[in-house]
Each structure stands twice: as structure tokens, then as C-alpha cells.
């Protein structure tokens, strides 16, 4: 962890892949939500099904974000995955809260943060250790 956060390593561009990963994850989430909202205009789903699809959108978004983050530098997958997952959750929370003009802090946000970080860790470890 020290090497990722040292000034020398930051100058080499350790932050930019994480930023790109978070940006890709947020964009993937927006696209997924818009597509899902379009589908919901024609298909009725229960609240439980909607919650499940929302979690799937989050997982897929974190997957794409971590993939972009570790694509060039295949090390520190655990840390980078956790950062992408956590920062994605915080960024998407603030973005969507701005869109609806309502900031409601609850335990659900904390659970989403942990969920996305764990997903990021899993994807980070998998992508770093995957053979080319």
C-alpha cells in the first residue's frame, strides 16, 4: 500500500487509472440505469426484482471500472479494486443525489459501499492474476 501512495509512484500515474476506473464505472451505471428504466416502461417488475437488477448493475459497473483500472498495470489488484468500488459508490451516490436534489444518508449507503468494495477487491484480484 505504501508504494501506491508514495509521491514518487503518484507521479508515475497511479491515481489516473483509478480515476478512469471510477469514471467508467459511473458511466456504465448511468447507461445500465437508463436502459433498465426504458425496459420498465414496458415490463412490470416487483420491487424485489428491481432491487436485484440494481445490484447487478452495480456489480457490472464495478467490474468494468476495475477492468479499466488494472488493464495496463497488473498489480495491487486488491487495493485498486477496493478503491474503484468505494469511490464508485460515493461518486454515484453524490451524482444521483444531485439529480433528485435529495441527500439521504442511511445504513443502506454504508452497505452499498462495503458491497462495491468487496466486489472491487474480488474483480481486482481476478484481473491481476488472470493470464493474458
Protein backbone atom coordinates (compact mmCIF):
# COMPACT_ATOMS: atom_id res chain seq x y z
CA UNK A 1 0.00 0.00 0.00
CA UNK A 2 2.86 2.36 0.72
CA UNK A 3 4.21 2.10 -2.82
CA UNK A 4 0.83 3.02 -4.32
CA UNK A 5 0.55 6.11 -2.19
CA UNK A 6 4.12 7.43 -2.27
CA UNK A 7 4.77 10.70 -4.05
CA UNK A 8 7.20 9.07 -6.46
CA UNK A 9 4.65 6.47 -7.51
CA UNK A 10 1.86 9.05 -7.77
CA UNK A 11 3.98 10.95 -10.27
CA UNK A 12 4.11 7.81 -12.39
CA UNK A 13 0.35 7.90 -12.69
CA UNK A 14 -1.11 5.64 -10.01
CA UNK A 15 -4.11 7.89 -9.49
CA UNK A 16 -5.15 8.26 -13.14
CA UNK A 17 -6.08 4.56 -13.67
CA UNK A 18 -8.20 4.65 -10.51
CA UNK A 19 -9.90 7.85 -11.69
CA UNK A 20 -10.53 6.31 -15.12
CA UNK A 21 -11.92 3.17 -13.50
CA UNK A 22 -14.33 5.16 -11.33
CA UNK A 23 -15.40 7.25 -14.34
CA UNK A 24 -16.04 4.12 -16.43
CA UNK A 25 -17.97 2.52 -13.55
CA UNK A 26 -20.18 5.60 -13.10
CA UNK A 27 -20.81 5.84 -16.86
CA UNK A 28 -21.65 2.12 -17.03
CA UNK A 29 -24.04 2.59 -14.12
CA UNK A 30 -25.78 5.52 -15.82
CA UNK A 31 -26.15 3.55 -19.06
CA UNK A 32 -27.41 0.49 -17.17
CA UNK A 33 -29.95 2.51 -15.21
CA UNK A 34 -31.21 4.30 -18.32
CA UNK A 35 -31.63 1.00 -20.18
CA UNK A 36 -33.37 -0.54 -17.20
CA UNK A 37 -35.70 2.46 -16.86
CA UNK A 38 -36.59 2.11 -20.54
CA UNK A 39 -37.36 -1.60 -20.06
CA UNK A 40 -39.51 -0.82 -17.01
CA UNK A 41 -41.78 1.32 -19.18
CA UNK A 42 -42.93 -1.84 -20.94
CA UNK A 43 -42.48 -4.57 -18.32
CA UNK A 44 -43.79 -4.69 -14.77
CA UNK A 45 -41.32 -5.96 -12.18
CA UNK A 46 -41.74 -6.33 -8.44
CA UNK A 47 -39.77 -4.18 -6.04
CA UNK A 48 -37.62 -7.18 -5.16
CA UNK A 49 -36.74 -7.78 -8.81
CA UNK A 50 -35.89 -4.10 -9.27
CA UNK A 51 -33.54 -4.21 -6.27
CA UNK A 52 -31.83 -7.31 -7.67
CA UNK A 53 -31.35 -5.71 -11.10
CA UNK A 54 -29.96 -2.57 -9.43
CA UNK A 55 -27.39 -4.70 -7.59
CA UNK A 56 -26.46 -6.43 -10.84
CA UNK A 57 -25.97 -3.01 -12.49
CA UNK A 58 -23.66 -2.02 -9.62
CA UNK A 59 -21.65 -5.24 -9.89
CA UNK A 60 -21.25 -4.91 -13.66
CA UNK A 61 -20.27 -1.25 -13.28
CA UNK A 62 -17.58 -2.10 -10.73
CA UNK A 63 -16.40 -4.94 -12.98
CA UNK A 64 -15.88 -2.55 -15.91
CA UNK A 65 -14.25 0.05 -13.69
CA UNK A 66 -11.76 -2.37 -12.16
CA UNK A 67 -11.03 -3.87 -15.58
CA UNK A 68 -10.07 -0.43 -16.91
CA UNK A 69 -8.09 0.39 -13.77
CA UNK A 70 -5.82 -2.67 -13.80
CA UNK A 71 -5.62 -3.14 -17.58
CA UNK A 72 -2.15 -1.60 -18.05
CA UNK A 73 -0.61 -2.06 -14.62
CA UNK A 74 -1.47 -5.53 -13.38
CA UNK A 75 -0.51 -5.15 -9.75
CA UNK A 76 -2.15 -4.08 -6.50
CA UNK A 77 -5.48 -5.50 -7.69
CA UNK A 78 -6.85 -5.82 -4.18
CA UNK A 79 -6.18 -2.19 -3.30
CA UNK A 80 -7.13 -0.75 -6.69
CA UNK A 81 -10.32 -2.80 -6.78
CA UNK A 82 -11.34 -1.63 -3.31
CA UNK A 83 -10.63 2.00 -4.23
CA UNK A 84 -12.54 1.81 -7.51
CA UNK A 85 -15.50 0.09 -5.82
CA UNK A 86 -15.60 2.51 -2.91
CA UNK A 87 -15.06 5.67 -4.93
CA UNK A 88 -17.62 4.49 -7.49
CA UNK A 89 -20.24 4.11 -4.76
CA UNK A 90 -19.51 7.53 -3.28
CA UNK A 91 -19.42 9.21 -6.70
CA UNK A 92 -22.63 7.61 -7.92
CA UNK A 93 -24.37 8.40 -4.64
CA UNK A 94 -23.49 12.10 -4.90
CA UNK A 95 -24.31 12.23 -8.61
CA UNK A 96 -27.73 10.61 -8.28
CA UNK A 97 -28.48 12.60 -5.11
CA UNK A 98 -27.78 15.79 -7.05
CA UNK A 99 -30.10 14.65 -9.82
CA UNK A 100 -33.01 14.10 -7.43
CA UNK A 101 -31.96 17.02 -5.16
CA UNK A 102 -32.07 14.86 -2.05
CA UNK A 103 -29.20 13.69 0.14
CA UNK A 104 -30.45 10.97 2.46
CA UNK A 105 -27.73 9.25 4.45
CA UNK A 106 -28.71 5.83 5.69
CA UNK A 107 -27.22 2.49 6.59
CA UNK A 108 -28.02 1.32 3.04
CA UNK A 109 -25.30 3.60 1.65
CA UNK A 110 -22.79 2.05 4.03
CA UNK A 111 -23.84 -1.43 2.90
CA UNK A 112 -23.56 -0.39 -0.75
CA UNK A 113 -20.07 0.95 -0.06
CA UNK A 114 -18.95 -2.32 1.53
CA UNK A 115 -20.65 -4.36 -1.20
CA UNK A 116 -18.95 -2.41 -4.00
CA UNK A 117 -15.56 -2.52 -2.29
CA UNK A 118 -15.79 -6.29 -1.83
CA UNK A 119 -16.84 -6.70 -5.48
CA UNK A 120 -13.93 -4.44 -6.48
CA UNK A 121 -11.48 -6.48 -4.43
CA UNK A 122 -12.69 -9.73 -6.00
CA UNK A 123 -12.52 -8.34 -9.54
CA UNK A 124 -9.16 -6.67 -8.87
CA UNK A 125 -7.61 -9.90 -7.64
CA UNK A 126 -9.12 -11.87 -10.54
CA UNK A 127 -8.00 -9.43 -13.25
CA UNK A 128 -4.48 -9.02 -11.85
CA UNK A 129 -3.99 -12.78 -11.59
CA UNK A 130 -5.65 -13.67 -14.90
CA UNK A 131 -3.32 -14.87 -17.60
CA UNK A 132 -3.10 -12.70 -20.67
